[in-house]
């Protein structure tokens, strides 16, 4: 890992139930399958765009 590279810790807080197919696919692409599951991703524009699609179902915090 490069020095100073930001990481995002993403936690699934909402349920797949009632989600639109695009939102469900985005959650799967992020690697989130179960409520309470946490994944760590690089802070990139593409990941930020995915977060914007499902921001009501997840919580995000920045880490180093």
Protein backbone atom coordinates (compact mmCIF):
# COMPACT_ATOMS: atom_id res chain seq x y z
CA UNK A 1 0.00 0.00 0.00
CA UNK A 2 1.34 3.41 -0.97
CA UNK A 3 1.93 5.99 1.74
CA UNK A 4 -0.90 8.48 2.14
CA UNK A 5 -3.36 6.34 0.15
CA UNK A 6 -6.85 6.73 1.60
CA UNK A 7 -9.09 3.75 2.24
CA UNK A 8 -12.84 3.68 2.82
CA UNK A 9 -14.47 1.36 5.34
CA UNK A 10 -17.97 0.62 4.05
CA UNK A 11 -20.61 -1.05 6.25
CA UNK A 12 -23.96 -2.35 4.99
CA UNK A 13 -26.60 -0.93 7.35
CA UNK A 14 -29.76 -1.48 5.31
CA UNK A 15 -31.38 -4.52 3.77
CA UNK A 16 -31.54 -5.66 0.15
CA UNK A 17 -35.30 -6.00 0.58
CA UNK A 18 -37.11 -3.44 -1.55
CA UNK A 19 -33.97 -2.30 -3.37
CA UNK A 20 -34.01 -1.54 -7.06
CA UNK A 21 -31.99 -3.96 -9.21
CA UNK A 22 -29.32 -1.32 -9.91
CA UNK A 23 -28.81 -0.75 -6.19
CA UNK A 24 -28.66 -4.48 -5.50
CA UNK A 25 -26.04 -4.94 -8.23
CA UNK A 26 -24.01 -2.04 -6.84
CA UNK A 27 -24.00 -3.54 -3.34
CA UNK A 28 -22.82 -6.87 -4.74
CA UNK A 29 -20.09 -5.12 -6.75
CA UNK A 30 -18.89 -3.46 -3.54
CA UNK A 31 -18.71 -6.92 -1.94
CA UNK A 32 -21.53 -6.36 0.56
CA UNK A 33 -23.89 -9.28 1.06
CA UNK A 34 -25.13 -9.28 4.66
CA UNK A 35 -26.28 -6.47 6.94
CA UNK A 36 -23.40 -5.52 9.23
CA UNK A 37 -20.73 -6.71 6.79
CA UNK A 38 -17.72 -4.41 6.42
CA UNK A 39 -15.44 -4.06 3.40
CA UNK A 40 -12.38 -1.84 2.89
CA UNK A 41 -11.91 -0.26 -0.55
CA UNK A 42 -9.49 2.25 -2.05
CA UNK A 43 -10.82 5.81 -2.23
CA UNK A 44 -11.33 6.19 -5.98
CA UNK A 45 -13.83 8.07 -8.11
CA UNK A 46 -15.52 4.86 -9.21
CA UNK A 47 -16.01 3.66 -5.64
CA UNK A 48 -17.33 7.12 -4.65
CA UNK A 49 -19.85 6.88 -7.51
CA UNK A 50 -21.00 3.47 -6.31
CA UNK A 51 -21.37 4.83 -2.78
CA UNK A 52 -23.56 7.65 -4.09
CA UNK A 53 -25.99 5.13 -5.61
CA UNK A 54 -26.56 3.29 -2.32
CA UNK A 55 -25.72 5.95 0.28
CA UNK A 56 -29.02 5.34 2.12
CA UNK A 57 -28.08 1.68 2.73
CA UNK A 58 -24.46 2.05 3.89
CA UNK A 59 -22.23 3.96 6.25
CA UNK A 60 -18.75 5.08 5.22
CA UNK A 61 -15.72 6.16 7.21
CA UNK A 62 -12.24 7.06 5.96
CA UNK A 63 -9.17 5.20 7.19
CA UNK A 64 -5.49 5.23 6.30
